[in-house]
Amino acid sequence: MDTKSYNSSTKSPIIQEIIMSNRIGAISIILSKLLNITPLKALKMFYSSNACINLHNKSTGLYLYGDLYIAEDFINEINSNNIT
C-alpha cells in the first residue's frame, strides 16, 4: 500500500469516527477501573462531560494525548464539579 493512499484513507470522516469511538471505549474502561463503576456508567458519564467535548474539539488538542491522560482529565473535572 502506498503511503499517500494510506494517509488519505485515515483522513476519511468514517475512519476518524471509528478511531474516536474506539478511544472513547478504551477511556471508559480505564474510568470504570479507576472509579470502580461499570463501563456503561463510565461511558455515560464521560459522554456528558467537558472532557468529551474537548476530545472532539480539534482546536483543544486533547485528542493528541493518551487515553489515561484524558481519563485523569475527566476525573479532575468530576472532582472539581462534584459530579457523581
PDB file of N, CA and C in Angstrom:
ATOM      1  N   MET A   1       0.851  -1.181   0.000  1.00  0.00           N
ATOM      2  CA  MET A   1       0.000   0.000   0.000  1.00  0.00           C
ATOM      3  C   MET A   1       0.888   1.232   0.000  1.00  0.00           C
ATOM      4  N   ASP A   2       0.605   2.104  -0.864  1.00  0.00           N
ATOM      5  CA  ASP A   2       1.383   3.331  -0.984  1.00  0.00           C
ATOM      6  C   ASP A   2       1.030   4.284   0.168  1.00  0.00           C
ATOM      7  N   THR A   3       2.034   4.932   0.734  1.00  0.00           N
ATOM      8  CA  THR A   3       1.864   5.801   1.900  1.00  0.00           C
ATOM      9  C   THR A   3       0.854   6.905   1.644  1.00  0.00           C
ATOM     10  N   LYS A   4       0.856   7.452   0.445  1.00  0.00           N
ATOM     11  CA  LYS A   4      -0.060   8.536   0.119  1.00  0.00           C
ATOM     12  C   LYS A   4      -1.517   8.068   0.214  1.00  0.00           C
ATOM     13  N   SER A   5      -1.838   6.892  -0.307  1.00  0.00           N
ATOM     14  CA  SER A   5      -3.218   6.402  -0.231  1.00  0.00           C
ATOM     15  C   SER A   5      -3.578   6.012   1.198  1.00  0.00           C
ATOM     16  N   TYR A   6      -2.619   5.535   1.981  1.00  0.00           N
ATOM     17  CA  TYR A   6      -2.871   5.205   3.381  1.00  0.00           C
ATOM     18  C   TYR A   6      -3.246   6.460   4.158  1.00  0.00           C
ATOM     19  N   ASN A   7      -2.487   7.535   3.983  1.00  0.00           N
ATOM     20  CA  ASN A   7      -2.773   8.782   4.691  1.00  0.00           C
ATOM     21  C   ASN A   7      -4.133   9.344   4.320  1.00  0.00           C
ATOM     22  N   SER A   8      -4.512   9.280   3.061  1.00  0.00           N
ATOM     23  CA  SER A   8      -5.806   9.815   2.657  1.00  0.00           C
ATOM     24  C   SER A   8      -6.947   8.964   3.202  1.00  0.00           C
ATOM     25  N   SER A   9      -6.759   7.658   3.332  1.00  0.00           N
ATOM     26  CA  SER A   9      -7.826   6.814   3.859  1.00  0.00           C
ATOM     27  C   SER A   9      -8.030   7.036   5.353  1.00  0.00           C
ATOM     28  N   THR A  10      -6.986   7.375   6.094  1.00  0.00           N
ATOM     29  CA  THR A  10      -7.147   7.626   7.525  1.00  0.00           C
ATOM     30  C   THR A  10      -7.769   8.985   7.796  1.00  0.00           C
ATOM     31  N   LYS A  11      -7.816   9.845   6.791  1.00  0.00           N
ATOM     32  CA  LYS A  11      -8.454  11.154   6.945  1.00  0.00           C
ATOM     33  C   LYS A  11      -9.952  11.088   6.677  1.00  0.00           C
ATOM     34  N   SER A  12     -10.428   9.943   6.243  1.00  0.00           N
ATOM     35  CA  SER A  12     -11.852   9.761   5.975  1.00  0.00           C
ATOM     36  C   SER A  12     -12.656  10.018   7.255  1.00  0.00           C
ATOM     37  N   PRO A  13     -13.769  10.770   7.163  1.00  0.00           N
ATOM     38  CA  PRO A  13     -14.597  11.019   8.354  1.00  0.00           C
ATOM     39  C   PRO A  13     -15.092   9.732   9.010  1.00  0.00           C
ATOM     40  N   ILE A  14     -15.367   8.721   8.210  1.00  0.00           N
ATOM     41  CA  ILE A  14     -15.835   7.453   8.771  1.00  0.00           C
ATOM     42  C   ILE A  14     -14.727   6.786   9.576  1.00  0.00           C
ATOM     43  N   ILE A  15     -13.512   6.780   9.038  1.00  0.00           N
ATOM     44  CA  ILE A  15     -12.365   6.204   9.756  1.00  0.00           C
ATOM     45  C   ILE A  15     -12.100   6.988  11.036  1.00  0.00           C
ATOM     46  N   GLN A  16     -12.168   8.310  10.962  1.00  0.00           N
ATOM     47  CA  GLN A  16     -11.947   9.143  12.146  1.00  0.00           C
ATOM     48  C   GLN A  16     -12.998   8.864  13.220  1.00  0.00           C
ATOM     49  N   GLU A  17     -14.237   8.647  12.820  1.00  0.00           N
ATOM     50  CA  GLU A  17     -15.309   8.337  13.768  1.00  0.00           C
ATOM     51  C   GLU A  17     -15.061   6.973  14.436  1.00  0.00           C
ATOM     52  N   ILE A  18     -14.614   6.003  13.665  1.00  0.00           N
ATOM     53  CA  ILE A  18     -14.303   4.682  14.215  1.00  0.00           C
ATOM     54  C   ILE A  18     -13.160   4.786  15.222  1.00  0.00           C
ATOM     55  N   ILE A  19     -12.134   5.520  14.877  1.00  0.00           N
ATOM     56  CA  ILE A  19     -10.989   5.695  15.781  1.00  0.00           C
ATOM     57  C   ILE A  19     -11.430   6.374  17.072  1.00  0.00           C
ATOM     58  N   MET A  20     -12.241   7.441  16.959  1.00  0.00           N
ATOM     59  CA  MET A  20     -12.698   8.155  18.157  1.00  0.00           C
ATOM     60  C   MET A  20     -13.579   7.258  19.019  1.00  0.00           C
ATOM     61  N   SER A  21     -14.452   6.476  18.405  1.00  0.00           N
ATOM     62  CA  SER A  21     -15.313   5.558  19.163  1.00  0.00           C
ATOM     63  C   SER A  21     -14.478   4.535  19.922  1.00  0.00           C
ATOM     64  N   ASN A  22     -13.448   4.023  19.263  1.00  0.00           N
ATOM     65  CA  ASN A  22     -12.537   3.080  19.919  1.00  0.00           C
ATOM     66  C   ASN A  22     -11.856   3.727  21.121  1.00  0.00           C
ATOM     67  N   ARG A  23     -11.382   4.939  20.930  1.00  0.00           N
ATOM     68  CA  ARG A  23     -10.691   5.636  22.021  1.00  0.00           C
ATOM     69  C   ARG A  23     -11.627   5.888  23.194  1.00  0.00           C
ATOM     70  N   ILE A  24     -12.845   6.308  22.911  1.00  0.00           N
ATOM     71  CA  ILE A  24     -13.795   6.585  23.991  1.00  0.00           C
ATOM     72  C   ILE A  24     -14.138   5.294  24.737  1.00  0.00           C
ATOM     73  N   GLY A  25     -14.228   4.190  24.026  1.00  0.00           N
ATOM     74  CA  GLY A  25     -14.449   2.902  24.686  1.00  0.00           C
ATOM     75  C   GLY A  25     -13.291   2.550  25.605  1.00  0.00           C
ATOM     76  N   ALA A  26     -12.063   2.778  25.133  1.00  0.00           N
ATOM     77  CA  ALA A  26     -10.882   2.493  25.953  1.00  0.00           C
ATOM     78  C   ALA A  26     -10.832   3.406  27.171  1.00  0.00           C
ATOM     79  N   ILE A  27     -11.172   4.667  26.981  1.00  0.00           N
ATOM     80  CA  ILE A  27     -11.197   5.622  28.097  1.00  0.00           C
ATOM     81  C   ILE A  27     -12.248   5.197  29.120  1.00  0.00           C
ATOM     82  N   SER A  28     -13.397   4.735  28.659  1.00  0.00           N
ATOM     83  CA  SER A  28     -14.462   4.280  29.559  1.00  0.00           C
ATOM     84  C   SER A  28     -14.022   3.079  30.392  1.00  0.00           C
ATOM     85  N   ILE A  29     -13.278   2.174  29.786  1.00  0.00           N
ATOM     86  CA  ILE A  29     -12.771   1.014  30.534  1.00  0.00           C
ATOM     87  C   ILE A  29     -11.794   1.484  31.615  1.00  0.00           C
ATOM     88  N   ILE A  30     -10.915   2.396  31.264  1.00  0.00           N
ATOM     89  CA  ILE A  30      -9.972   2.950  32.254  1.00  0.00           C
ATOM     90  C   ILE A  30     -10.739   3.608  33.393  1.00  0.00           C
ATOM     91  N   LEU A  31     -11.730   4.420  33.046  1.00  0.00           N
ATOM     92  CA  LEU A  31     -12.530   5.106  34.073  1.00  0.00           C
ATOM     93  C   LEU A  31     -13.283   4.124  34.956  1.00  0.00           C
ATOM     94  N   SER A  32     -13.817   3.067  34.356  1.00  0.00           N
ATOM     95  CA  SER A  32     -14.565   2.090  35.162  1.00  0.00           C
ATOM     96  C   SER A  32     -13.669   1.439  36.201  1.00  0.00           C
ATOM     97  N   LYS A  33     -12.412   1.195  35.831  1.00  0.00           N
ATOM     98  CA  LYS A  33     -11.472   0.595  36.779  1.00  0.00           C
ATOM     99  C   LYS A  33     -11.036   1.598  37.839  1.00  0.00           C
ATOM    100  N   LEU A  34     -10.748   2.831  37.413  1.00  0.00           N
ATOM    101  CA  LEU A  34     -10.288   3.843  38.370  1.00  0.00           C
ATOM    102  C   LEU A  34     -11.381   4.274  39.346  1.00  0.00           C
ATOM    103  N   LEU A  35     -12.627   4.311  38.862  1.00  0.00           N
ATOM    104  CA  LEU A  35     -13.738   4.782  39.691  1.00  0.00           C
ATOM    105  C   LEU A  35     -14.562   3.652  40.293  1.00  0.00           C
ATOM    106  N   ASN A  36     -14.200   2.403  39.950  1.00  0.00           N
ATOM    107  CA  ASN A  36     -14.918   1.226  40.447  1.00  0.00           C
ATOM    108  C   ASN A  36     -16.417   1.304  40.118  1.00  0.00           C
ATOM    109  N   ILE A  37     -16.708   1.571  38.843  1.00  0.00           N
ATOM    110  CA  ILE A  37     -18.078   1.615  38.343  1.00  0.00           C
ATOM    111  C   ILE A  37     -18.142   0.752  37.082  1.00  0.00           C
ATOM    112  N   THR A  38     -19.349   0.531  36.595  1.00  0.00           N
ATOM    113  CA  THR A  38     -19.478  -0.276  35.377  1.00  0.00           C
ATOM    114  C   THR A  38     -18.972   0.514  34.167  1.00  0.00           C
ATOM    115  N   PRO A  39     -18.502  -0.192  33.165  1.00  0.00           N
ATOM    116  CA  PRO A  39     -18.074   0.508  31.945  1.00  0.00           C
ATOM    117  C   PRO A  39     -19.198   1.336  31.315  1.00  0.00           C
ATOM    118  N   LEU A  40     -20.433   0.853  31.382  1.00  0.00           N
ATOM    119  CA  LEU A  40     -21.551   1.591  30.815  1.00  0.00           C
ATOM    120  C   LEU A  40     -21.778   2.912  31.553  1.00  0.00           C
ATOM    121  N   LYS A  41     -21.714   2.869  32.883  1.00  0.00           N
ATOM    122  CA  LYS A  41     -21.871   4.112  33.656  1.00  0.00           C
ATOM    123  C   LYS A  41     -20.721   5.069  33.344  1.00  0.00           C
ATOM    124  N   ALA A  42     -19.512   4.540  33.240  1.00  0.00           N
ATOM    125  CA  ALA A  42     -18.358   5.383  32.906  1.00  0.00           C
ATOM    126  C   ALA A  42     -18.545   6.026  31.537  1.00  0.00           C
ATOM    127  N   LEU A  43     -19.040   5.253  30.581  1.00  0.00           N
ATOM    128  CA  LEU A  43     -19.275   5.767  29.233  1.00  0.00           C
ATOM    129  C   LEU A  43     -20.310   6.889  29.260  1.00  0.00           C
ATOM    130  N   LYS A  44     -21.408   6.674  29.959  1.00  0.00           N
ATOM    131  CA  LYS A  44     -22.462   7.698  30.059  1.00  0.00           C
ATOM    132  C   LYS A  44     -21.931   8.966  30.726  1.00  0.00           C
ATOM    133  N   MET A  45     -21.171   8.802  31.793  1.00  0.00           N
ATOM    134  CA  MET A  45     -20.611   9.960  32.482  1.00  0.00           C
ATOM    135  C   MET A  45     -19.635  10.714  31.583  1.00  0.00           C
ATOM    136  N   PHE A  46     -18.795   9.965  30.875  1.00  0.00           N
ATOM    137  CA  PHE A  46     -17.803  10.601  30.018  1.00  0.00           C
ATOM    138  C   PHE A  46     -18.474  11.367  28.885  1.00  0.00           C
ATOM    139  N   TYR A  47     -19.497  10.776  28.269  1.00  0.00           N
ATOM    140  CA  TYR A  47     -20.182  11.444  27.158  1.00  0.00           C
ATOM    141  C   TYR A  47     -20.841  12.756  27.585  1.00  0.00           C
ATOM    142  N   SER A  48     -21.160  12.907  28.850  1.00  0.00           N
ATOM    143  CA  SER A  48     -21.808  14.143  29.308  1.00  0.00           C
ATOM    144  C   SER A  48     -20.813  15.141  29.906  1.00  0.00           C
ATOM    145  N   SER A  49     -19.535  14.924  29.672  1.00  0.00           N
ATOM    146  CA  SER A  49     -18.504  15.758  30.298  1.00  0.00           C
ATOM    147  C   SER A  49     -17.866  16.756  29.341  1.00  0.00           C
ATOM    148  N   ASN A  50     -17.228  17.759  29.924  1.00  0.00           N
ATOM    149  CA  ASN A  50     -16.433  18.710  29.148  1.00  0.00           C
ATOM    150  C   ASN A  50     -15.215  18.017  28.542  1.00  0.00           C
ATOM    151  N   ALA A  51     -14.693  17.028  29.219  1.00  0.00           N
ATOM    152  CA  ALA A  51     -13.539  16.292  28.695  1.00  0.00           C
ATOM    153  C   ALA A  51     -13.890  15.658  27.349  1.00  0.00           C
ATOM    154  N   CYS A  52     -15.087  15.115  27.230  1.00  0.00           N
ATOM    155  CA  CYS A  52     -15.522  14.512  25.967  1.00  0.00           C
ATOM    156  C   CYS A  52     -15.703  15.590  24.900  1.00  0.00           C
ATOM    157  N   ILE A  53     -16.290  16.708  25.283  1.00  0.00           N
ATOM    158  CA  ILE A  53     -16.447  17.831  24.338  1.00  0.00           C
ATOM    159  C   ILE A  53     -15.083  18.275  23.845  1.00  0.00           C
ATOM    160  N   ASN A  54     -14.133  18.413  24.772  1.00  0.00           N
ATOM    161  CA  ASN A  54     -12.785  18.852  24.401  1.00  0.00           C
ATOM    162  C   ASN A  54     -12.064  17.819  23.541  1.00  0.00           C
ATOM    163  N   LEU A  55     -12.329  16.542  23.793  1.00  0.00           N
ATOM    164  CA  LEU A  55     -11.713  15.483  22.992  1.00  0.00           C
ATOM    165  C   LEU A  55     -12.162  15.586  21.531  1.00  0.00           C
ATOM    166  N   HIS A  56     -13.419  15.917  21.314  1.00  0.00           N
ATOM    167  CA  HIS A  56     -13.953  16.045  19.959  1.00  0.00           C
ATOM    168  C   HIS A  56     -13.571  17.368  19.292  1.00  0.00           C
ATOM    169  N   ASN A  57     -13.191  18.358  20.082  1.00  0.00           N
ATOM    170  CA  ASN A  57     -12.840  19.675  19.542  1.00  0.00           C
ATOM    171  C   ASN A  57     -11.354  19.682  19.182  1.00  0.00           C
ATOM    172  N   LYS A  58     -11.059  19.614  17.899  1.00  0.00           N
ATOM    173  CA  LYS A  58      -9.667  19.536  17.433  1.00  0.00           C
ATOM    174  C   LYS A  58      -8.826  20.724  17.899  1.00  0.00           C
ATOM    175  N   SER A  59      -9.450  21.876  18.110  1.00  0.00           N
ATOM    176  CA  SER A  59      -8.677  23.065  18.483  1.00  0.00           C
ATOM    177  C   SER A  59      -8.089  22.970  19.898  1.00  0.00           C
ATOM    178  N   THR A  60      -8.625  22.092  20.742  1.00  0.00           N
ATOM    179  CA  THR A  60      -8.076  21.941  22.100  1.00  0.00           C
ATOM    180  C   THR A  60      -6.806  21.092  22.114  1.00  0.00           C
ATOM    181  N   GLY A  61      -6.659  20.234  21.112  1.00  0.00           N
ATOM    182  CA  GLY A  61      -5.502  19.349  21.044  1.00  0.00           C
ATOM    183  C   GLY A  61      -5.573  18.161  21.990  1.00  0.00           C
ATOM    184  N   LEU A  62      -6.681  18.018  22.725  1.00  0.00           N
ATOM    185  CA  LEU A  62      -6.788  16.919  23.686  1.00  0.00           C
ATOM    186  C   LEU A  62      -6.715  15.560  22.988  1.00  0.00           C
ATOM    187  N   TYR A  63      -7.170  15.490  21.759  1.00  0.00           N
ATOM    188  CA  TYR A  63      -7.133  14.222  21.018  1.00  0.00           C
ATOM    189  C   TYR A  63      -5.709  13.710  20.804  1.00  0.00           C
ATOM    190  N   LEU A  64      -4.727  14.577  20.977  1.00  0.00           N
ATOM    191  CA  LEU A  64      -3.327  14.187  20.810  1.00  0.00           C
ATOM    192  C   LEU A  64      -2.756  13.469  22.040  1.00  0.00           C
ATOM    193  N   TYR A  65      -3.451  13.562  23.167  1.00  0.00           N
ATOM    194  CA  TYR A  65      -2.984  12.971  24.415  1.00  0.00           C
ATOM    195  C   TYR A  65      -3.440  11.521  24.539  1.00  0.00           C
ATOM    196  N   GLY A  66      -2.817  10.805  25.423  1.00  0.00           N
ATOM    197  CA  GLY A  66      -3.140   9.394  25.641  1.00  0.00           C
ATOM    198  C   GLY A  66      -4.448   9.207  26.395  1.00  0.00           C
ATOM    199  N   ASP A  67      -4.974   8.000  26.309  1.00  0.00           N
ATOM    200  CA  ASP A  67      -6.249   7.677  26.943  1.00  0.00           C
ATOM    201  C   ASP A  67      -6.215   7.848  28.457  1.00  0.00           C
ATOM    202  N   LEU A  68      -5.117   7.458  29.096  1.00  0.00           N
ATOM    203  CA  LEU A  68      -5.016   7.601  30.552  1.00  0.00           C
ATOM    204  C   LEU A  68      -5.017   9.078  30.945  1.00  0.00           C
ATOM    205  N   TYR A  69      -4.321   9.907  30.197  1.00  0.00           N
ATOM    206  CA  TYR A  69      -4.306  11.354  30.472  1.00  0.00           C
ATOM    207  C   TYR A  69      -5.724  11.913  30.380  1.00  0.00           C
ATOM    208  N   ILE A  70      -6.458  11.514  29.342  1.00  0.00           N
ATOM    209  CA  ILE A  70      -7.821  12.004  29.153  1.00  0.00           C
ATOM    210  C   ILE A  70      -8.724  11.511  30.285  1.00  0.00           C
ATOM    211  N   ALA A  71      -8.544  10.267  30.709  1.00  0.00           N
ATOM    212  CA  ALA A  71      -9.315   9.738  31.840  1.00  0.00           C
ATOM    213  C   ALA A  71      -9.024  10.531  33.109  1.00  0.00           C
ATOM    214  N   GLU A  72      -7.765  10.852  33.339  1.00  0.00           N
ATOM    215  CA  GLU A  72      -7.407  11.647  34.520  1.00  0.00           C
ATOM    216  C   GLU A  72      -7.953  13.066  34.416  1.00  0.00           C
ATOM    217  N   ASP A  73      -7.989  13.616  33.209  1.00  0.00           N
ATOM    218  CA  ASP A  73      -8.592  14.934  32.990  1.00  0.00           C
ATOM    219  C   ASP A  73     -10.071  14.894  33.360  1.00  0.00           C
ATOM    220  N   PHE A  74     -10.747  13.828  32.965  1.00  0.00           N
ATOM    221  CA  PHE A  74     -12.160  13.652  33.312  1.00  0.00           C
ATOM    222  C   PHE A  74     -12.338  13.538  34.829  1.00  0.00           C
ATOM    223  N   ILE A  75     -11.488  12.757  35.468  1.00  0.00           N
ATOM    224  CA  ILE A  75     -11.587  12.602  36.922  1.00  0.00           C
ATOM    225  C   ILE A  75     -11.368  13.931  37.620  1.00  0.00           C
ATOM    226  N   ASN A  76     -10.424  14.720  37.147  1.00  0.00           N
ATOM    227  CA  ASN A  76     -10.225  16.067  37.711  1.00  0.00           C
ATOM    228  C   ASN A  76     -11.480  16.911  37.528  1.00  0.00           C
ATOM    229  N   GLU A  77     -12.115  16.766  36.378  1.00  0.00           N
ATOM    230  CA  GLU A  77     -13.357  17.518  36.117  1.00  0.00           C
ATOM    231  C   GLU A  77     -14.451  17.117  37.100  1.00  0.00           C
ATOM    232  N   ILE A  78     -14.662  15.820  37.281  1.00  0.00           N
ATOM    233  CA  ILE A  78     -15.744  15.411  38.190  1.00  0.00           C
ATOM    234  C   ILE A  78     -15.417  15.757  39.635  1.00  0.00           C
ATOM    235  N   ASN A  79     -14.134  15.714  40.005  1.00  0.00           N
ATOM    236  CA  ASN A  79     -13.763  16.096  41.365  1.00  0.00           C
ATOM    237  C   ASN A  79     -13.983  17.583  41.604  1.00  0.00           C
ATOM    238  N   SER A  80     -13.720  18.401  40.607  1.00  0.00           N
ATOM    239  CA  SER A  80     -13.894  19.843  40.780  1.00  0.00           C
ATOM    240  C   SER A  80     -15.363  20.258  40.696  1.00  0.00           C
ATOM    241  N   ASN A  81     -16.196  19.435  40.040  1.00  0.00           N
ATOM    242  CA  ASN A  81     -17.614  19.756  39.899  1.00  0.00           C
ATOM    243  C   ASN A  81     -18.508  18.922  40.809  1.00  0.00           C
ATOM    244  N   ASN A  82     -17.911  18.010  41.569  1.00  0.00           N
ATOM    245  CA  ASN A  82     -18.657  17.113  42.457  1.00  0.00           C
ATOM    246  C   ASN A  82     -19.745  16.351  41.700  1.00  0.00           C
ATOM    247  N   ILE A  83     -19.400  15.830  40.511  1.00  0.00           N
ATOM    248  CA  ILE A  83     -20.334  15.046  39.705  1.00  0.00           C
ATOM    249  C   ILE A  83     -20.266  13.585  40.151  1.00  0.00           C
ATOM    250  N   THR A  84     -21.437  12.948  40.274  1.00  0.00           N
ATOM    251  CA  THR A  84     -21.471  11.518  40.588  1.00  0.00           C
ATOM    252  C   THR A  84     -22.407  10.777  39.672  1.00  0.00           C
TER     253      THR A  84
END
